[in-house]
């Protein structure tokens, strides 16, 4: 999922519309109060983009994961999680 901590809701909507052909924004959510929200604080989000990996029990495994576009490192992390490491 994509969680936005943008400050301007209208700008966020506009950008979603501009990028809808390239990205799946059905899983995109605007967080009220941005980085001041309780969710952003609990995840310690202070910049974007930010990647967090959860396990199947919704426990944070890695709070500052590399970008999924970094295939080799990202896949190794996922494989390690699947193997219980």
Protein backbone atom coordinates (compact mmCIF):
# COMPACT_ATOMS: atom_id res chain seq x y z
CA UNK A 1 0.00 0.00 0.00
CA UNK A 2 1.03 3.61 -0.46
CA UNK A 3 0.50 5.94 2.48
CA UNK A 4 0.86 9.64 1.79
CA UNK A 5 1.94 12.14 4.43
CA UNK A 6 1.52 15.02 1.99
CA UNK A 7 0.11 18.18 3.53
CA UNK A 8 -2.21 19.17 0.69
CA UNK A 9 -5.08 16.77 -0.02
CA UNK A 10 -6.06 18.44 -3.31
CA UNK A 11 -2.50 18.21 -4.65
CA UNK A 12 -2.40 14.53 -3.63
CA UNK A 13 -5.65 13.86 -5.51
CA UNK A 14 -4.34 15.71 -8.56
CA UNK A 15 -1.09 13.69 -8.58
CA UNK A 16 -3.03 10.43 -8.21
CA UNK A 17 -5.08 11.39 -11.26
CA UNK A 18 -1.96 12.31 -13.27
CA UNK A 19 -0.25 8.99 -12.46
CA UNK A 20 -3.26 6.65 -12.63
CA UNK A 21 -2.10 5.27 -16.00
CA UNK A 22 1.26 4.20 -14.54
CA UNK A 23 0.55 3.32 -10.91
CA UNK A 24 -2.12 1.42 -9.01
CA UNK A 25 -3.55 4.05 -6.71
CA UNK A 26 -6.44 1.89 -5.52
CA UNK A 27 -4.09 1.11 -2.63
CA UNK A 28 -3.11 4.72 -2.04
CA UNK A 29 -4.28 6.48 1.10
CA UNK A 30 -3.96 10.04 2.35
CA UNK A 31 -3.04 10.22 6.05
CA UNK A 32 -4.78 13.06 7.85
CA UNK A 33 -2.32 15.22 9.80
CA UNK A 34 0.56 13.90 7.67
CA UNK A 35 3.74 13.19 9.60
CA UNK A 36 2.06 14.44 12.77
CA UNK A 37 -0.48 11.57 12.71
CA UNK A 38 -0.25 8.76 15.24
CA UNK A 39 0.40 6.27 12.40
CA UNK A 40 3.30 8.28 11.00
CA UNK A 41 4.71 8.73 14.50
CA UNK A 42 4.46 5.04 15.33
CA UNK A 43 6.24 4.16 12.07
CA UNK A 44 8.71 7.03 12.63
CA UNK A 45 7.97 8.43 9.18
CA UNK A 46 9.72 11.72 8.58
CA UNK A 47 10.45 11.51 4.85
CA UNK A 48 9.03 10.03 1.68
CA UNK A 49 9.21 7.64 0.06
CA UNK A 50 9.45 5.28 3.00
CA UNK A 51 9.17 1.51 2.80
CA UNK A 52 8.14 -0.68 5.73
CA UNK A 53 7.93 -4.47 5.61
CA UNK A 54 5.40 -6.31 7.77
CA UNK A 55 5.19 -10.05 8.34
CA UNK A 56 1.98 -12.07 8.01
CA UNK A 57 1.12 -11.27 11.64
CA UNK A 58 1.36 -7.50 10.94
CA UNK A 59 4.56 -7.13 12.93
CA UNK A 60 7.10 -4.67 11.53
CA UNK A 61 10.07 -6.63 10.25
CA UNK A 62 12.01 -3.75 8.72
CA UNK A 63 11.07 -0.13 9.40
CA UNK A 64 13.38 1.38 6.79
CA UNK A 65 13.41 -1.08 3.90
CA UNK A 66 15.09 -0.42 0.57
CA UNK A 67 12.97 0.49 -2.41
CA UNK A 68 11.30 -2.48 -4.09
CA UNK A 69 12.90 -1.23 -7.32
CA UNK A 70 16.24 -2.39 -5.85
CA UNK A 71 15.32 -5.95 -6.89
CA UNK A 72 18.35 -7.87 -5.66
CA UNK A 73 18.42 -6.46 -2.13
CA UNK A 74 14.63 -6.34 -1.78
CA UNK A 75 14.17 -9.95 -2.92
CA UNK A 76 16.90 -11.12 -0.53
CA UNK A 77 15.11 -9.44 2.37
CA UNK A 78 11.81 -11.07 1.40
CA UNK A 79 13.50 -14.47 0.99
CA UNK A 80 15.16 -14.09 4.41
CA UNK A 81 11.78 -13.27 5.97
CA UNK A 82 10.15 -16.26 4.27
CA UNK A 83 12.96 -18.49 5.56
CA UNK A 84 12.53 -17.22 9.12
CA UNK A 85 15.83 -15.36 9.31
